[in-house]
């Protein structure tokens, strides 16, 4: 089986990782709501914010061709 080296631009990587952090943060936030854990909700909100920032960085990099 051949292994292909995929050259992914850092802008694409940032967008994908940002989306993953947003999804993970949403799960934590909702779990915190279910278990009435403000700490877990806060961690989820923070992770979602971090994902949004990372995704935006990826969009900016794309504009500059990186």
PDB file of N, CA and C in Angstrom:
ATOM      1  N   UNK A   1       0.838  -1.172   0.000  1.00  0.00           N
ATOM      2  CA  UNK A   1       0.000   0.000   0.000  1.00  0.00           C
ATOM      3  C   UNK A   1       0.885   1.238   0.000  1.00  0.00           C
ATOM      4  N   UNK A   2       0.622   2.150  -0.912  1.00  0.00           N
ATOM      5  CA  UNK A   2       1.417   3.356  -1.012  1.00  0.00           C
ATOM      6  C   UNK A   2       0.978   4.379   0.026  1.00  0.00           C
ATOM      7  N   UNK A   3       1.944   5.116   0.495  1.00  0.00           N
ATOM      8  CA  UNK A   3       1.671   6.206   1.414  1.00  0.00           C
ATOM      9  C   UNK A   3       1.879   7.512   0.655  1.00  0.00           C
ATOM     10  N   UNK A   4       0.889   8.346   0.660  1.00  0.00           N
ATOM     11  CA  UNK A   4       0.982   9.609  -0.045  1.00  0.00           C
ATOM     12  C   UNK A   4       1.228  10.733   0.950  1.00  0.00           C
ATOM     13  N   UNK A   5       2.207  11.562   0.634  1.00  0.00           N
ATOM     14  CA  UNK A   5       2.526  12.701   1.484  1.00  0.00           C
ATOM     15  C   UNK A   5       1.651  13.867   1.027  1.00  0.00           C
ATOM     16  N   UNK A   6       0.735  14.250   1.866  1.00  0.00           N
ATOM     17  CA  UNK A   6      -0.178  15.324   1.524  1.00  0.00           C
ATOM     18  C   UNK A   6       0.382  16.618   2.081  1.00  0.00           C
ATOM     19  N   UNK A   7       0.618  17.573   1.194  1.00  0.00           N
ATOM     20  CA  UNK A   7       1.146  18.868   1.606  1.00  0.00           C
ATOM     21  C   UNK A   7      -0.041  19.798   1.847  1.00  0.00           C
ATOM     22  N   UNK A   8      -0.388  19.945   3.115  1.00  0.00           N
ATOM     23  CA  UNK A   8      -1.520  20.775   3.484  1.00  0.00           C
ATOM     24  C   UNK A   8      -1.005  22.135   3.922  1.00  0.00           C
ATOM     25  N   UNK A   9      -1.607  23.176   3.386  1.00  0.00           N
ATOM     26  CA  UNK A   9      -1.204  24.520   3.783  1.00  0.00           C
ATOM     27  C   UNK A   9      -1.563  24.756   5.240  1.00  0.00           C
ATOM     28  N   UNK A  10      -0.777  25.609   5.873  1.00  0.00           N
ATOM     29  CA  UNK A  10      -1.027  25.876   7.287  1.00  0.00           C
ATOM     30  C   UNK A  10      -2.387  26.548   7.492  1.00  0.00           C
ATOM     31  N   UNK A  11      -2.872  27.267   6.493  1.00  0.00           N
ATOM     32  CA  UNK A  11      -4.186  27.905   6.628  1.00  0.00           C
ATOM     33  C   UNK A  11      -5.280  26.838   6.732  1.00  0.00           C
ATOM     34  N   UNK A  12      -5.166  25.798   5.933  1.00  0.00           N
ATOM     35  CA  UNK A  12      -6.140  24.708   5.972  1.00  0.00           C
ATOM     36  C   UNK A  12      -6.051  23.962   7.296  1.00  0.00           C
ATOM     37  N   UNK A  13      -4.834  23.722   7.750  1.00  0.00           N
ATOM     38  CA  UNK A  13      -4.627  23.042   9.027  1.00  0.00           C
ATOM     39  C   UNK A  13      -5.250  23.849  10.166  1.00  0.00           C
ATOM     40  N   UNK A  14      -5.027  25.152  10.167  1.00  0.00           N
ATOM     41  CA  UNK A  14      -5.595  26.003  11.211  1.00  0.00           C
ATOM     42  C   UNK A  14      -7.125  25.960  11.201  1.00  0.00           C
ATOM     43  N   UNK A  15      -7.700  25.976  10.019  1.00  0.00           N
ATOM     44  CA  UNK A  15      -9.166  25.925   9.921  1.00  0.00           C
ATOM     45  C   UNK A  15      -9.706  24.598  10.456  1.00  0.00           C
ATOM     46  N   UNK A  16      -9.065  23.506  10.080  1.00  0.00           N
ATOM     47  CA  UNK A  16      -9.518  22.184  10.521  1.00  0.00           C
ATOM     48  C   UNK A  16      -9.371  22.044  12.029  1.00  0.00           C
ATOM     49  N   UNK A  17      -8.222  22.443  12.561  1.00  0.00           N
ATOM     50  CA  UNK A  17      -8.008  22.355  14.003  1.00  0.00           C
ATOM     51  C   UNK A  17      -8.955  23.289  14.750  1.00  0.00           C
ATOM     52  N   UNK A  18      -9.233  24.451  14.181  1.00  0.00           N
ATOM     53  CA  UNK A  18     -10.185  25.371  14.798  1.00  0.00           C
ATOM     54  C   UNK A  18     -11.575  24.768  14.877  1.00  0.00           C
ATOM     55  N   UNK A  19     -12.000  24.143  13.787  1.00  0.00           N
ATOM     56  CA  UNK A  19     -13.317  23.482  13.788  1.00  0.00           C
ATOM     57  C   UNK A  19     -13.378  22.361  14.823  1.00  0.00           C
ATOM     58  N   UNK A  20     -12.281  21.609  14.947  1.00  0.00           N
ATOM     59  CA  UNK A  20     -12.240  20.519  15.925  1.00  0.00           C
ATOM     60  C   UNK A  20     -12.337  21.060  17.356  1.00  0.00           C
ATOM     61  N   UNK A  21     -11.653  22.171  17.626  1.00  0.00           N
ATOM     62  CA  UNK A  21     -11.718  22.767  18.964  1.00  0.00           C
ATOM     63  C   UNK A  21     -13.110  23.321  19.260  1.00  0.00           C
ATOM     64  N   UNK A  22     -13.743  23.887  18.255  1.00  0.00           N
ATOM     65  CA  UNK A  22     -15.105  24.396  18.433  1.00  0.00           C
ATOM     66  C   UNK A  22     -16.035  23.239  18.791  1.00  0.00           C
ATOM     67  N   UNK A  23     -15.921  22.136  18.055  1.00  0.00           N
ATOM     68  CA  UNK A  23     -16.779  20.975  18.313  1.00  0.00           C
ATOM     69  C   UNK A  23     -16.516  20.387  19.699  1.00  0.00           C
ATOM     70  N   UNK A  24     -15.258  20.251  20.052  1.00  0.00           N
ATOM     71  CA  UNK A  24     -14.898  19.710  21.354  1.00  0.00           C
ATOM     72  C   UNK A  24     -15.387  20.624  22.477  1.00  0.00           C
ATOM     73  N   UNK A  25     -15.241  21.921  22.279  1.00  0.00           N
ATOM     74  CA  UNK A  25     -15.712  22.884  23.274  1.00  0.00           C
ATOM     75  C   UNK A  25     -17.213  22.837  23.450  1.00  0.00           C
ATOM     76  N   UNK A  26     -17.926  22.641  22.346  1.00  0.00           N
ATOM     77  CA  UNK A  26     -19.386  22.551  22.408  1.00  0.00           C
ATOM     78  C   UNK A  26     -19.814  21.331  23.224  1.00  0.00           C
ATOM     79  N   UNK A  27     -19.113  20.217  23.028  1.00  0.00           N
ATOM     80  CA  UNK A  27     -19.421  19.003  23.789  1.00  0.00           C
ATOM     81  C   UNK A  27     -19.194  19.259  25.283  1.00  0.00           C
ATOM     82  N   UNK A  28     -18.075  19.881  25.616  1.00  0.00           N
ATOM     83  CA  UNK A  28     -17.780  20.182  27.022  1.00  0.00           C
ATOM     84  C   UNK A  28     -18.820  21.131  27.607  1.00  0.00           C
ATOM     85  N   UNK A  29     -19.192  22.135  26.825  1.00  0.00           N
ATOM     86  CA  UNK A  29     -20.180  23.110  27.295  1.00  0.00           C
ATOM     87  C   UNK A  29     -21.514  22.428  27.574  1.00  0.00           C
ATOM     88  N   UNK A  30     -21.981  21.620  26.664  1.00  0.00           N
ATOM     89  CA  UNK A  30     -23.262  20.938  26.837  1.00  0.00           C
ATOM     90  C   UNK A  30     -23.203  19.919  27.978  1.00  0.00           C
ATOM     91  N   UNK A  31     -22.069  19.225  28.097  1.00  0.00           N
ATOM     92  CA  UNK A  31     -21.906  18.280  29.202  1.00  0.00           C
ATOM     93  C   UNK A  31     -21.947  19.018  30.529  1.00  0.00           C
ATOM     94  N   UNK A  32     -21.324  20.183  30.572  1.00  0.00           N
ATOM     95  CA  UNK A  32     -21.357  21.006  31.776  1.00  0.00           C
ATOM     96  C   UNK A  32     -22.769  21.437  32.142  1.00  0.00           C
ATOM     97  N   UNK A  33     -23.575  21.734  31.109  1.00  0.00           N
ATOM     98  CA  UNK A  33     -24.973  22.098  31.364  1.00  0.00           C
ATOM     99  C   UNK A  33     -25.737  20.914  31.960  1.00  0.00           C
ATOM    100  N   UNK A  34     -25.540  19.737  31.372  1.00  0.00           N
ATOM    101  CA  UNK A  34     -26.256  18.542  31.824  1.00  0.00           C
ATOM    102  C   UNK A  34     -25.908  18.208  33.272  1.00  0.00           C
ATOM    103  N   UNK A  35     -24.626  18.281  33.595  1.00  0.00           N
ATOM    104  CA  UNK A  35     -24.178  17.918  34.940  1.00  0.00           C
ATOM    105  C   UNK A  35     -24.094  19.112  35.892  1.00  0.00           C
ATOM    106  N   UNK A  36     -24.596  20.244  35.420  1.00  0.00           N
ATOM    107  CA  UNK A  36     -24.604  21.483  36.221  1.00  0.00           C
ATOM    108  C   UNK A  36     -23.218  21.804  36.764  1.00  0.00           C
ATOM    109  N   UNK A  37     -22.266  21.820  35.865  1.00  0.00           N
ATOM    110  CA  UNK A  37     -20.881  22.108  36.210  1.00  0.00           C
ATOM    111  C   UNK A  37     -20.442  23.404  35.519  1.00  0.00           C
ATOM    112  N   UNK A  38     -20.493  24.525  36.233  1.00  0.00           N
ATOM    113  CA  UNK A  38     -20.069  25.794  35.632  1.00  0.00           C
ATOM    114  C   UNK A  38     -18.601  25.759  35.188  1.00  0.00           C
ATOM    115  N   UNK A  39     -17.776  24.992  35.909  1.00  0.00           N
ATOM    116  CA  UNK A  39     -16.369  24.882  35.544  1.00  0.00           C
ATOM    117  C   UNK A  39     -16.216  24.248  34.157  1.00  0.00           C
ATOM    118  N   UNK A  40     -16.925  23.161  33.918  1.00  0.00           N
ATOM    119  CA  UNK A  40     -16.850  22.481  32.625  1.00  0.00           C
ATOM    120  C   UNK A  40     -17.460  23.345  31.519  1.00  0.00           C
ATOM    121  N   UNK A  41     -18.535  24.046  31.832  1.00  0.00           N
ATOM    122  CA  UNK A  41     -19.126  24.951  30.853  1.00  0.00           C
ATOM    123  C   UNK A  41     -18.125  26.038  30.468  1.00  0.00           C
ATOM    124  N   UNK A  42     -17.435  26.568  31.461  1.00  0.00           N
ATOM    125  CA  UNK A  42     -16.439  27.608  31.199  1.00  0.00           C
ATOM    126  C   UNK A  42     -15.293  27.109  30.345  1.00  0.00           C
ATOM    127  N   UNK A  43     -14.843  25.880  30.633  1.00  0.00           N
ATOM    128  CA  UNK A  43     -13.779  25.290  29.821  1.00  0.00           C
ATOM    129  C   UNK A  43     -14.246  25.107  28.382  1.00  0.00           C
ATOM    130  N   UNK A  44     -15.500  24.697  28.226  1.00  0.00           N
ATOM    131  CA  UNK A  44     -16.053  24.526  26.882  1.00  0.00           C
ATOM    132  C   UNK A  44     -16.138  25.834  26.137  1.00  0.00           C
ATOM    133  N   UNK A  45     -16.601  26.877  26.825  1.00  0.00           N
ATOM    134  CA  UNK A  45     -16.683  28.199  26.194  1.00  0.00           C
ATOM    135  C   UNK A  45     -15.300  28.690  25.781  1.00  0.00           C
ATOM    136  N   UNK A  46     -14.325  28.505  26.663  1.00  0.00           N
ATOM    137  CA  UNK A  46     -12.957  28.942  26.360  1.00  0.00           C
ATOM    138  C   UNK A  46     -12.393  28.187  25.158  1.00  0.00           C
ATOM    139  N   UNK A  47     -12.656  26.886  25.095  1.00  0.00           N
ATOM    140  CA  UNK A  47     -12.155  26.091  23.979  1.00  0.00           C
ATOM    141  C   UNK A  47     -12.829  26.487  22.672  1.00  0.00           C
ATOM    142  N   UNK A  48     -14.113  26.787  22.728  1.00  0.00           N
ATOM    143  CA  UNK A  48     -14.810  27.244  21.536  1.00  0.00           C
ATOM    144  C   UNK A  48     -14.240  28.579  21.056  1.00  0.00           C
ATOM    145  N   UNK A  49     -13.962  29.486  21.984  1.00  0.00           N
ATOM    146  CA  UNK A  49     -13.373  30.782  21.616  1.00  0.00           C
ATOM    147  C   UNK A  49     -11.998  30.585  20.984  1.00  0.00           C
ATOM    148  N   UNK A  50     -11.203  29.688  21.573  1.00  0.00           N
ATOM    149  CA  UNK A  50      -9.875  29.396  21.031  1.00  0.00           C
ATOM    150  C   UNK A  50      -9.989  28.837  19.612  1.00  0.00           C
ATOM    151  N   UNK A  51     -10.963  27.972  19.398  1.00  0.00           N
ATOM    152  CA  UNK A  51     -11.180  27.404  18.063  1.00  0.00           C
ATOM    153  C   UNK A  51     -11.600  28.451  17.060  1.00  0.00           C
ATOM    154  N   UNK A  52     -12.443  29.374  17.477  1.00  0.00           N
ATOM    155  CA  UNK A  52     -12.875  30.452  16.571  1.00  0.00           C
ATOM    156  C   UNK A  52     -11.695  31.331  16.160  1.00  0.00           C
ATOM    157  N   UNK A  53     -10.826  31.621  17.126  1.00  0.00           N
ATOM    158  CA  UNK A  53      -9.644  32.438  16.831  1.00  0.00           C
ATOM    159  C   UNK A  53      -8.724  31.693  15.867  1.00  0.00           C
ATOM    160  N   UNK A  54      -8.476  30.418  16.129  1.00  0.00           N
ATOM    161  CA  UNK A  54      -7.598  29.639  15.265  1.00  0.00           C
ATOM    162  C   UNK A  54      -8.168  29.540  13.856  1.00  0.00           C
ATOM    163  N   UNK A  55      -9.463  29.370  13.749  1.00  0.00           N
ATOM    164  CA  UNK A  55     -10.110  29.301  12.436  1.00  0.00           C
ATOM    165  C   UNK A  55      -9.954  30.632  11.694  1.00  0.00           C
ATOM    166  N   UNK A  56     -10.111  31.737  12.409  1.00  0.00           N
ATOM    167  CA  UNK A  56      -9.969  33.062  11.805  1.00  0.00           C
ATOM    168  C   UNK A  56      -8.527  33.274  11.337  1.00  0.00           C
ATOM    169  N   UNK A  57      -7.550  32.803  12.124  1.00  0.00           N
ATOM    170  CA  UNK A  57      -6.144  32.896  11.723  1.00  0.00           C
ATOM    171  C   UNK A  57      -5.932  32.146  10.413  1.00  0.00           C
ATOM    172  N   UNK A  58      -6.537  30.977  10.279  1.00  0.00           N
ATOM    173  CA  UNK A  58      -6.438  30.208   9.042  1.00  0.00           C
ATOM    174  C   UNK A  58      -7.024  30.957   7.861  1.00  0.00           C
ATOM    175  N   UNK A  59      -8.139  31.650   8.083  1.00  0.00           N
ATOM    176  CA  UNK A  59      -8.752  32.433   7.005  1.00  0.00           C
ATOM    177  C   UNK A  59      -7.848  33.593   6.597  1.00  0.00           C
ATOM    178  N   UNK A  60      -7.209  34.220   7.575  1.00  0.00           N
ATOM    179  CA  UNK A  60      -6.303  35.337   7.278  1.00  0.00           C
ATOM    180  C   UNK A  60      -5.072  34.830   6.520  1.00  0.00           C
ATOM    181  N   UNK A  61      -4.532  33.685   6.949  1.00  0.00           N
ATOM    182  CA  UNK A  61      -3.386  33.108   6.252  1.00  0.00           C
ATOM    183  C   UNK A  61      -3.732  32.800   4.803  1.00  0.00           C
ATOM    184  N   UNK A  62      -4.955  32.338   4.566  1.00  0.00           N
ATOM    185  CA  UNK A  62      -5.368  32.007   3.200  1.00  0.00           C
ATOM    186  C   UNK A  62      -5.346  33.254   2.325  1.00  0.00           C
ATOM    187  N   UNK A  63      -5.771  34.383   2.876  1.00  0.00           N
ATOM    188  CA  UNK A  63      -5.764  35.634   2.119  1.00  0.00           C
ATOM    189  C   UNK A  63      -4.341  35.997   1.695  1.00  0.00           C
ATOM    190  N   UNK A  64      -3.374  35.728   2.570  1.00  0.00           N
ATOM    191  CA  UNK A  64      -1.986  36.047   2.277  1.00  0.00           C
ATOM    192  C   UNK A  64      -1.242  34.893   1.585  1.00  0.00           C
ATOM    193  N   UNK A  65      -1.950  33.815   1.288  1.00  0.00           N
ATOM    194  CA  UNK A  65      -1.382  32.720   0.520  1.00  0.00           C
ATOM    195  C   UNK A  65      -0.454  31.799   1.289  1.00  0.00           C
ATOM    196  N   UNK A  66      -0.679  31.655   2.575  1.00  0.00           N
ATOM    197  CA  UNK A  66       0.210  30.780   3.358  1.00  0.00           C
ATOM    198  C   UNK A  66      -0.463  29.481   3.654  1.00  0.00           C
TER     199      UNK A  66
END
